Amino acid sequence: MIFTKYNYDIKNDIIKEDIKRIINQVYKLLPMREENVEWEKPLATIMVELSGMQRLFEGQQEAFLPLICKLEGLFTLTSDEDFQLYRRTIFECLGLLSDIKNNVD
């Protein structure tokens, strides 16, 4: 179990499932961008959720900082020429999220 800053304990399996859901949401950003579908709003929603998760789980900030920074950077990659960097950054974020999920113990 992990304790939040409000002294509320959350089972590891619940946290892992939630991170798995976020992984799927981040992955969906890639085809959304490829198909010229609105991807900024879903990204903003992911950012809000991860920022809240980072604040909630004290002592885990170092795991979330690079992830949040990379996701925030996606907002600047809007031209067609930026797509490969956008794609690579998505996969880097997926790796960081997997690391966070695997370290929940």
C-alpha atoms as a PDB file:
ATOM      1  CA  MET A   1       0.000   0.000   0.000  1.00  0.00           C
ATOM      2  CA  ILE A   2       1.040   3.542  -0.649  1.00  0.00           C
ATOM      3  CA  PHE A   3       0.033   6.334   1.662  1.00  0.00           C
ATOM      4  CA  THR A   4      -1.057   9.654   0.262  1.00  0.00           C
ATOM      5  CA  LYS A   5      -0.328  13.047   1.728  1.00  0.00           C
ATOM      6  CA  TYR A   6      -3.755  12.803   3.365  1.00  0.00           C
ATOM      7  CA  ASN A   7      -2.762   9.562   5.145  1.00  0.00           C
ATOM      8  CA  TYR A   8      -5.127   7.588   2.970  1.00  0.00           C
ATOM      9  CA  ASP A   9      -3.716   4.234   1.939  1.00  0.00           C
ATOM     10  CA  ILE A  10      -4.284   2.957  -1.575  1.00  0.00           C
ATOM     11  CA  LYS A  11      -3.641  -0.628  -2.598  1.00  0.00           C
ATOM     12  CA  ASN A  12      -0.824  -1.118  -5.093  1.00  0.00           C
ATOM     13  CA  ASP A  13      -3.070  -3.003  -7.524  1.00  0.00           C
ATOM     14  CA  ILE A  14      -5.411  -0.027  -7.752  1.00  0.00           C
ATOM     15  CA  ILE A  15      -2.520   2.321  -8.474  1.00  0.00           C
ATOM     16  CA  LYS A  16      -1.085  -0.035 -11.096  1.00  0.00           C
ATOM     17  CA  GLU A  17      -4.449  -0.307 -12.857  1.00  0.00           C
ATOM     18  CA  ASP A  18      -4.810   3.465 -12.882  1.00  0.00           C
ATOM     19  CA  ILE A  19      -1.342   3.910 -14.355  1.00  0.00           C
ATOM     20  CA  LYS A  20      -2.172   1.250 -16.951  1.00  0.00           C
ATOM     21  CA  ARG A  21      -5.241   3.299 -17.909  1.00  0.00           C
ATOM     22  CA  ILE A  22      -3.073   6.421 -18.246  1.00  0.00           C
ATOM     23  CA  ILE A  23      -0.585   4.461 -20.391  1.00  0.00           C
ATOM     24  CA  ASN A  24      -3.448   3.628 -22.756  1.00  0.00           C
ATOM     25  CA  GLN A  25      -4.535   7.275 -22.856  1.00  0.00           C
ATOM     26  CA  VAL A  26      -1.011   8.447 -23.681  1.00  0.00           C
ATOM     27  CA  TYR A  27      -0.681   5.794 -26.395  1.00  0.00           C
ATOM     28  CA  LYS A  28      -3.955   6.975 -27.979  1.00  0.00           C
ATOM     29  CA  LEU A  29      -2.424  10.430 -28.456  1.00  0.00           C
ATOM     30  CA  LEU A  30      -0.292   9.038 -31.278  1.00  0.00           C
ATOM     31  CA  PRO A  31      -3.094   7.950 -33.639  1.00  0.00           C
ATOM     32  CA  MET A  32      -5.088  11.038 -32.689  1.00  0.00           C
ATOM     33  CA  ARG A  33      -2.261  13.233 -33.946  1.00  0.00           C
ATOM     34  CA  GLU A  34      -1.763  11.084 -37.055  1.00  0.00           C
ATOM     35  CA  GLU A  35      -5.458  11.344 -37.929  1.00  0.00           C
ATOM     36  CA  ASN A  36      -5.595  15.103 -37.244  1.00  0.00           C
ATOM     37  CA  VAL A  37      -8.035  14.553 -34.386  1.00  0.00           C
ATOM     38  CA  GLU A  38      -8.057  16.878 -31.356  1.00  0.00           C
ATOM     39  CA  TRP A  39      -5.198  15.627 -29.164  1.00  0.00           C
ATOM     40  CA  GLU A  40      -4.349  18.716 -27.099  1.00  0.00           C
ATOM     41  CA  LYS A  41      -7.416  18.493 -24.837  1.00  0.00           C
ATOM     42  CA  PRO A  42      -6.879  14.804 -23.987  1.00  0.00           C
ATOM     43  CA  LEU A  43      -3.211  15.606 -23.331  1.00  0.00           C
ATOM     44  CA  ALA A  44      -4.206  18.457 -21.029  1.00  0.00           C
ATOM     45  CA  THR A  45      -6.495  16.083 -19.120  1.00  0.00           C
ATOM     46  CA  ILE A  46      -3.649  13.572 -18.738  1.00  0.00           C
ATOM     47  CA  MET A  47      -1.387  16.369 -17.490  1.00  0.00           C
ATOM     48  CA  VAL A  48      -3.905  17.417 -14.850  1.00  0.00           C
ATOM     49  CA  GLU A  49      -4.287  13.848 -13.652  1.00  0.00           C
ATOM     50  CA  LEU A  50      -0.557  13.175 -13.484  1.00  0.00           C
ATOM     51  CA  SER A  51       0.082  16.482 -11.728  1.00  0.00           C
ATOM     52  CA  GLY A  52      -2.512  15.532  -9.147  1.00  0.00           C
ATOM     53  CA  MET A  53      -1.028  12.066  -8.765  1.00  0.00           C
ATOM     54  CA  GLN A  54       2.429  13.560  -8.269  1.00  0.00           C
ATOM     55  CA  ARG A  55       1.115  15.864  -5.545  1.00  0.00           C
ATOM     56  CA  LEU A  56      -0.879  13.102  -3.904  1.00  0.00           C
ATOM     57  CA  PHE A  57       1.960  10.609  -3.627  1.00  0.00           C
ATOM     58  CA  GLU A  58       4.572  12.460  -1.645  1.00  0.00           C
ATOM     59  CA  GLY A  59       8.107  11.239  -2.134  1.00  0.00           C
ATOM     60  CA  GLN A  60       7.478  10.196  -5.742  1.00  0.00           C
ATOM     61  CA  GLN A  61       8.161  13.535  -7.409  1.00  0.00           C
ATOM     62  CA  GLU A  62      11.419  12.423  -9.023  1.00  0.00           C
ATOM     63  CA  ALA A  63       9.558   9.721 -10.941  1.00  0.00           C
ATOM     64  CA  PHE A  64       6.906  12.105 -12.254  1.00  0.00           C
ATOM     65  CA  LEU A  65       9.013  15.151 -13.131  1.00  0.00           C
ATOM     66  CA  PRO A  66      10.588  13.885 -16.393  1.00  0.00           C
ATOM     67  CA  LEU A  67       7.257  12.434 -17.469  1.00  0.00           C
ATOM     68  CA  ILE A  68       5.335  15.641 -16.876  1.00  0.00           C
ATOM     69  CA  CYS A  69       8.060  17.688 -18.579  1.00  0.00           C
ATOM     70  CA  LYS A  70       8.014  15.490 -21.695  1.00  0.00           C
ATOM     71  CA  LEU A  71       4.230  15.503 -21.908  1.00  0.00           C
ATOM     72  CA  GLU A  72       4.163  19.284 -21.493  1.00  0.00           C
ATOM     73  CA  GLY A  73       6.686  19.534 -24.317  1.00  0.00           C
ATOM     74  CA  LEU A  74       4.295  17.745 -26.676  1.00  0.00           C
ATOM     75  CA  PHE A  75       2.184  20.911 -26.777  1.00  0.00           C
ATOM     76  CA  THR A  76       5.036  22.612 -28.675  1.00  0.00           C
ATOM     77  CA  LEU A  77       5.360  19.885 -31.321  1.00  0.00           C
ATOM     78  CA  THR A  78       2.525  20.885 -33.617  1.00  0.00           C
ATOM     79  CA  SER A  79       4.019  21.050 -37.110  1.00  0.00           C
ATOM     80  CA  ASP A  80       4.224  18.112 -39.506  1.00  0.00           C
ATOM     81  CA  GLU A  81       8.013  18.286 -39.296  1.00  0.00           C
ATOM     82  CA  ASP A  82       7.775  17.660 -35.546  1.00  0.00           C
ATOM     83  CA  PHE A  83       5.842  14.409 -35.861  1.00  0.00           C
ATOM     84  CA  GLN A  84       8.799  12.043 -35.474  1.00  0.00           C
ATOM     85  CA  LEU A  85       9.929  13.855 -32.327  1.00  0.00           C
ATOM     86  CA  TYR A  86       6.321  13.795 -31.065  1.00  0.00           C
ATOM     87  CA  ARG A  87       6.165  10.046 -31.721  1.00  0.00           C
ATOM     88  CA  ARG A  88       9.505   9.366 -30.031  1.00  0.00           C
ATOM     89  CA  THR A  89       8.471  11.447 -27.025  1.00  0.00           C
ATOM     90  CA  ILE A  90       5.208   9.498 -26.703  1.00  0.00           C
ATOM     91  CA  PHE A  91       7.171   6.240 -26.545  1.00  0.00           C
ATOM     92  CA  GLU A  92       9.593   7.721 -24.005  1.00  0.00           C
ATOM     93  CA  CYS A  93       6.602   8.714 -21.866  1.00  0.00           C
ATOM     94  CA  LEU A  94       5.160   5.221 -22.161  1.00  0.00           C
ATOM     95  CA  GLY A  95       8.476   3.839 -20.914  1.00  0.00           C
ATOM     96  CA  LEU A  96       8.520   6.251 -17.968  1.00  0.00           C
ATOM     97  CA  LEU A  97       4.934   5.325 -17.066  1.00  0.00           C
ATOM     98  CA  SER A  98       5.806   1.628 -17.249  1.00  0.00           C
ATOM     99  CA  ASP A  99       8.747   2.251 -14.932  1.00  0.00           C
ATOM    100  CA  ILE A 100       6.491   4.048 -12.459  1.00  0.00           C
ATOM    101  CA  LYS A 101       3.944   1.229 -12.647  1.00  0.00           C
ATOM    102  CA  ASN A 102       6.619  -1.433 -12.124  1.00  0.00           C
ATOM    103  CA  ASN A 103       8.039   0.415  -9.117  1.00  0.00           C
ATOM    104  CA  VAL A 104       4.741   0.503  -7.251  1.00  0.00           C
ATOM    105  CA  ASP A 105       5.389  -1.860  -4.358  1.00  0.00           C
END
